[in-house]
Amino acid sequence: MHCDKTTKLKMPALNAFDFQIKLTEKERRTHTREIDLHTHSEFELYINLSGDVSFLVANNLYPLSRGDVIIARPGEYHHCVYRSDASHRFFWILFDCSKNRALLDFLKADVGKNYISPQGPLREELIDLCHSLHDGFLSNEERIYAFFRIFAILKQSKNAASDQKSVLFRELHQIVHYIDQHISKELTSGEIAAAFYMSQSTLERKFKDALHVSPSEYIRRKKLVLATELLKAGKSVTEAGTGVGYNDTSYFIELFKRYFGVTPYQYKKANK
């Protein structure tokens, strides 16, 4: 039997882009950045190596084991939740694919999950690839291969993770969603407790048990992170404050500086 078949493939153009990879070992008391709720304009991959942690992303909470991966897409709020004082090691990869729409579409369409848990030898291969990228001894061709092999592993592993459920129980998930819906208004933990027909002390306990933070602190962090997005979008300091429910501009400026170390105006100027 004679077979003579040619397959033509159109490869998407790939523009140059930068990415950062960092290997970190932290403890709860020194890991301030990831404990604070935040977001990026870039993609973030968070590859766990060790530690007693969970990860909150897009209002879902996932306990992490060695080799588990969190994908935080641009604009998705996320942070690490320490369940104990055990030391925590992880790889952190940050990259911007805004100039590569084909790659960006691949991440959205084919990965499609915030939590992925590679199985078997794929788990250790992923970690080895991260070490190779981090060590910096790869040629350009090897670096490109390692980067895209990571995404091939994530794509291959996504089906295994499709049934993985967040451990954030249903009621608290609804409460966090409620906060998102009302984040532009003045919002208190007492108001939230009343909306869900529970005492304020019960609400406080639920947040402390799951997220290791009080509801008022969670609201404050989320408001301030949203304020940074409004400032970067061109809003004035007053507009950013009122946009997240702070009608007292002086108080907003004081609070913002306490969290970020600069005034809202300084932040806006630096991120213009």
Protein backbone atom coordinates (compact mmCIF):
# COMPACT_ATOMS: atom_id res chain seq x y z
CA MET A 1 0.00 0.00 0.00
CA HIS A 2 1.40 3.34 -1.04
CA CYS A 3 0.98 6.39 1.18
CA ASP A 4 2.10 9.82 0.06
CA LYS A 5 0.60 12.52 2.28
CA THR A 6 1.90 15.96 3.12
CA THR A 7 0.63 17.88 6.15
CA LYS A 8 0.96 21.64 6.13
CA LEU A 9 1.01 23.46 9.44
CA LYS A 10 0.90 27.19 10.05
CA MET A 11 3.05 28.17 13.03
CA PRO A 12 2.13 31.36 14.91
CA ALA A 13 4.72 34.11 14.98
CA LEU A 14 6.44 34.48 18.34
CA ASN A 15 7.63 37.90 19.46
CA ALA A 16 10.33 38.23 22.06
CA PHE A 17 9.11 38.55 25.66
CA ASP A 18 10.73 38.60 29.08
CA PHE A 19 9.99 36.29 31.95
CA GLN A 20 11.30 36.00 35.48
CA ILE A 21 11.85 32.83 37.46
CA LYS A 22 12.67 32.87 41.16
CA LEU A 23 13.38 30.11 43.65
CA THR A 24 12.28 31.17 47.12
CA GLU A 25 12.26 29.72 50.62
CA LYS A 26 10.11 31.66 53.07
CA GLU A 27 8.36 31.47 56.40
CA ARG A 28 5.01 32.98 57.25
CA ARG A 29 6.50 35.86 59.22
CA THR A 30 8.84 36.89 56.37
CA HIS A 31 6.61 36.14 53.38
CA THR A 32 4.67 39.40 53.39
CA ARG A 33 4.18 39.90 49.64
CA GLU A 34 2.45 36.61 48.85
CA ILE A 35 0.41 36.64 52.06
CA ASP A 36 -1.10 39.97 51.01
CA LEU A 37 -3.88 39.72 48.47
CA HIS A 38 -2.60 41.08 45.16
CA THR A 39 -2.85 40.82 41.38
CA HIS A 40 -0.55 41.21 38.36
CA SER A 41 -0.86 42.48 34.82
CA GLU A 42 1.25 39.44 33.85
CA PHE A 43 0.73 35.69 34.11
CA GLU A 44 2.10 34.02 37.22
CA LEU A 45 3.01 30.36 37.67
CA TYR A 46 3.48 29.26 41.27
CA ILE A 47 5.11 25.82 41.57
CA ASN A 48 5.14 24.40 45.08
CA LEU A 49 8.17 22.47 46.32
CA SER A 50 7.49 22.08 50.04
CA GLY A 51 5.62 23.61 52.96
CA ASP A 52 2.26 23.56 54.69
CA VAL A 53 0.34 26.03 52.52
CA SER A 54 -2.81 26.59 50.52
CA PHE A 55 -3.30 29.12 47.73
CA LEU A 56 -6.26 31.44 47.26
CA VAL A 57 -6.88 32.39 43.62
CA ALA A 58 -10.03 33.61 41.87
CA ASN A 59 -12.00 33.03 45.10
CA ASN A 60 -10.98 29.37 45.35
CA LEU A 61 -8.67 27.86 47.95
CA TYR A 62 -6.38 24.95 47.03
CA PRO A 63 -4.10 22.98 49.39
CA LEU A 64 -0.71 22.44 47.72
CA SER A 65 1.65 19.46 47.60
CA ARG A 66 5.08 19.13 45.98
CA GLY A 67 4.84 19.80 42.25
CA ASP A 68 1.36 21.36 42.35
CA VAL A 69 0.95 24.44 40.16
CA ILE A 70 -1.16 27.57 40.54
CA ILE A 71 -1.85 29.70 37.46
CA ALA A 72 -2.84 33.29 38.26
CA ARG A 73 -3.98 35.09 35.14
CA PRO A 74 -3.79 38.88 34.71
CA GLY A 75 -6.22 40.57 37.07
CA GLU A 76 -6.95 37.48 39.20
CA TYR A 77 -6.57 38.15 42.92
CA HIS A 78 -4.40 35.62 44.71
CA HIS A 79 -2.23 35.00 47.73
CA CYS A 80 -0.54 32.25 49.71
CA VAL A 81 -2.19 31.03 52.94
CA TYR A 82 0.17 29.50 55.51
CA ARG A 83 -1.41 26.72 57.58
CA SER A 84 1.57 26.54 59.94
CA ASP A 85 4.99 28.09 60.52
CA ALA A 86 6.74 25.42 58.42
CA SER A 87 9.27 26.68 55.89
CA HIS A 88 7.88 26.99 52.35
CA ARG A 89 9.88 26.55 49.09
CA PHE A 90 8.48 27.38 45.67
CA PHE A 91 9.26 28.53 42.15
CA TRP A 92 7.65 31.74 40.93
CA ILE A 93 7.49 32.48 37.20
CA LEU A 94 6.16 35.79 35.91
CA PHE A 95 5.77 36.63 32.22
CA ASP A 96 3.85 38.92 29.88
CA CYS A 97 2.46 37.49 26.65
CA SER A 98 0.58 40.57 25.49
CA LYS A 99 2.64 40.62 22.27
CA ASN A 100 1.93 36.96 21.59
CA ARG A 101 -1.81 36.58 21.28
CA ALA A 102 -1.52 33.00 20.04
CA LEU A 103 0.30 32.00 23.21
CA LEU A 104 -2.11 34.01 25.34
CA ASP A 105 -5.06 32.20 23.73
CA PHE A 106 -3.35 28.89 24.42
CA LEU A 107 -3.13 29.72 28.10
CA LYS A 108 -6.77 30.75 28.27
CA ALA A 109 -8.28 28.01 26.14
CA ASP A 110 -6.15 24.95 26.73
CA VAL A 111 -4.96 25.29 30.32
CA GLY A 112 -8.17 26.80 31.61
CA LYS A 113 -7.59 26.00 35.30
CA ASN A 114 -6.04 27.82 38.24
CA TYR A 115 -4.89 24.59 39.92
CA ILE A 116 -3.04 21.80 38.13
CA SER A 117 -1.45 18.75 39.73
CA PRO A 118 0.91 16.88 37.35
CA GLN A 119 1.01 13.15 38.01
CA GLY A 120 3.80 10.57 38.08
CA PRO A 121 7.07 11.44 36.31
CA LEU A 122 5.58 14.67 34.90
CA ARG A 123 5.70 16.18 38.39
CA GLU A 124 9.45 15.73 38.80
CA GLU A 125 10.11 16.68 35.16
CA LEU A 126 8.33 19.98 35.77
CA ILE A 127 10.44 20.70 38.84
CA ASP A 128 13.65 19.75 36.97
CA LEU A 129 12.71 22.13 34.13
CA CYS A 130 12.22 24.95 36.63
CA HIS A 131 15.64 24.27 38.16
CA SER A 132 17.22 24.26 34.69
CA LEU A 133 15.64 27.59 33.81
CA HIS A 134 16.57 29.09 37.16
CA ASP A 135 20.23 27.96 37.02
CA GLY A 136 20.67 30.00 33.84
CA PHE A 137 23.10 27.66 32.05
CA LEU A 138 20.79 26.76 29.15
CA SER A 139 21.35 27.88 25.58
CA ASN A 140 18.66 29.99 23.92
CA GLU A 141 17.22 26.93 22.19
CA GLU A 142 17.20 24.91 25.42
CA ARG A 143 15.61 27.81 27.30
CA ILE A 144 12.80 28.06 24.75
CA TYR A 145 12.25 24.31 24.86
CA ALA A 146 12.16 24.24 28.69
CA PHE A 147 9.67 27.11 28.85
CA PHE A 148 7.25 25.56 26.37
CA ARG A 149 7.75 22.05 27.74
CA ILE A 150 6.40 23.38 31.05
CA PHE A 151 3.18 24.37 29.28
CA ALA A 152 3.02 21.04 27.49
CA ILE A 153 3.10 19.36 30.92
CA LEU A 154 0.40 21.68 32.24
CA LYS A 155 -1.78 20.96 29.21
CA GLN A 156 -1.22 17.23 29.56
CA SER A 157 -2.04 17.40 33.29
CA LYS A 158 -5.10 19.63 33.15
CA ASN A 159 -7.57 16.78 32.65
CA ALA A 160 -6.32 15.05 35.79
CA ALA A 161 -7.04 18.25 37.73
CA SER A 162 -10.48 18.90 36.24
CA ASP A 163 -12.29 17.30 39.18
CA GLN A 164 -10.21 19.03 41.84
CA LYS A 165 -12.46 21.15 44.02
CA SER A 166 -11.59 24.17 46.07
CA VAL A 167 -11.54 23.49 49.81
CA LEU A 168 -13.17 26.87 50.41
CA PHE A 169 -16.55 25.68 51.65
CA ARG A 170 -19.66 26.85 49.83
CA GLU A 171 -20.83 29.44 52.36
CA LEU A 172 -17.48 31.24 52.56
CA HIS A 173 -17.16 31.09 48.78
CA GLN A 174 -20.50 32.91 48.57
CA ILE A 175 -19.34 35.48 51.12
CA VAL A 176 -16.13 36.19 49.19
CA HIS A 177 -18.22 36.57 46.02
CA TYR A 178 -20.53 38.96 47.90
CA ILE A 179 -17.51 41.07 48.89
CA ASP A 180 -16.46 41.26 45.23
CA GLN A 181 -19.92 42.46 44.23
CA HIS A 182 -19.94 45.21 46.87
CA ILE A 183 -16.25 46.14 46.95
CA SER A 184 -16.92 49.64 45.56
CA LYS A 185 -19.14 50.48 48.55
CA GLU A 186 -18.51 50.97 52.23
CA LEU A 187 -18.54 47.44 53.56
CA THR A 188 -18.23 46.15 57.12
CA SER A 189 -17.95 42.66 58.55
CA GLY A 190 -21.13 43.34 60.54
CA GLU A 191 -23.03 44.08 57.33
CA ILE A 192 -21.74 40.88 55.74
CA ALA A 193 -22.64 38.79 58.77
CA ALA A 194 -26.17 40.19 58.71
CA ALA A 195 -26.50 39.50 54.97
CA PHE A 196 -25.70 35.82 55.60
CA TYR A 197 -27.73 35.50 58.82
CA MET A 198 -24.79 34.73 61.10
CA SER A 199 -23.14 36.42 64.03
CA GLN A 200 -20.08 38.57 63.47
CA SER A 201 -18.02 36.26 65.69
CA THR A 202 -18.99 33.27 63.48
CA LEU A 203 -17.95 35.20 60.38
CA GLU A 204 -14.64 36.10 62.00
CA ARG A 205 -14.00 32.46 62.92
CA LYS A 206 -14.79 31.19 59.42
CA PHE A 207 -12.33 33.64 57.83
CA LYS A 208 -9.62 32.92 60.38
CA ASP A 209 -9.98 29.14 59.99
CA ALA A 210 -9.90 29.14 56.17
CA LEU A 211 -7.89 32.21 55.15
CA HIS A 212 -5.98 33.09 58.34
CA VAL A 213 -7.14 36.70 58.08
CA SER A 214 -10.08 38.67 59.49
CA PRO A 215 -12.92 39.63 57.13
CA SER A 216 -12.25 43.35 57.69
CA GLU A 217 -8.58 42.89 56.79
CA TYR A 218 -9.51 40.85 53.72
CA ILE A 219 -11.89 43.60 52.57
CA ARG A 220 -9.28 46.29 53.19
CA ARG A 221 -6.60 44.45 51.18
CA LYS A 222 -8.95 43.80 48.28
CA LYS A 223 -10.08 47.44 48.18
CA LEU A 224 -6.49 48.69 48.13
CA VAL A 225 -5.43 46.29 45.40
CA LEU A 226 -8.41 47.40 43.32
CA ALA A 227 -7.42 51.02 44.00
CA THR A 228 -3.99 50.36 42.46
CA GLU A 229 -5.72 49.09 39.31
CA LEU A 230 -7.87 52.22 39.14
CA LEU A 231 -4.82 54.44 39.55
CA LYS A 232 -2.98 52.60 36.78
CA ALA A 233 -6.09 53.03 34.60
CA GLY A 234 -5.79 56.81 34.93
CA LYS A 235 -8.23 57.59 37.75
CA SER A 236 -7.38 60.44 40.11
CA VAL A 237 -6.53 59.76 43.75
CA THR A 238 -10.01 60.91 44.81
CA GLU A 239 -11.69 58.80 42.11
CA ALA A 240 -9.67 55.73 43.10
CA GLY A 241 -10.62 56.20 46.76
CA THR A 242 -14.33 56.67 46.14
CA GLY A 243 -14.22 53.86 43.58
CA VAL A 244 -13.42 51.40 46.36
CA GLY A 245 -15.70 52.91 48.97
CA TYR A 246 -13.38 55.37 50.73
CA ASN A 247 -15.10 58.76 50.58
CA ASP A 248 -12.59 60.30 52.99
CA THR A 249 -9.63 60.96 50.67
CA SER A 250 -7.24 61.75 53.55
CA TYR A 251 -8.00 58.42 55.21
CA PHE A 252 -7.61 56.60 51.87
CA ILE A 253 -4.20 58.20 51.32
CA GLU A 254 -3.07 57.31 54.84
CA LEU A 255 -4.25 53.71 54.48
CA PHE A 256 -2.73 53.32 51.03
CA LYS A 257 0.66 54.60 52.21
CA ARG A 258 0.57 52.29 55.23
CA TYR A 259 0.16 49.27 52.95
CA PHE A 260 2.28 50.18 49.93
CA GLY A 261 4.85 52.56 51.41
CA VAL A 262 3.98 55.36 48.96
CA THR A 263 1.04 57.71 48.52
CA PRO A 264 -1.57 56.95 45.83
CA TYR A 265 -0.23 59.88 43.79
CA GLN A 266 3.34 58.56 43.98
CA TYR A 267 2.10 55.10 42.99
CA LYS A 268 0.17 56.51 40.03
CA LYS A 269 3.16 58.52 38.87
CA ALA A 270 5.47 55.49 39.09
CA ASN A 271 3.04 53.30 37.16
CA LYS A 272 1.93 55.81 34.56
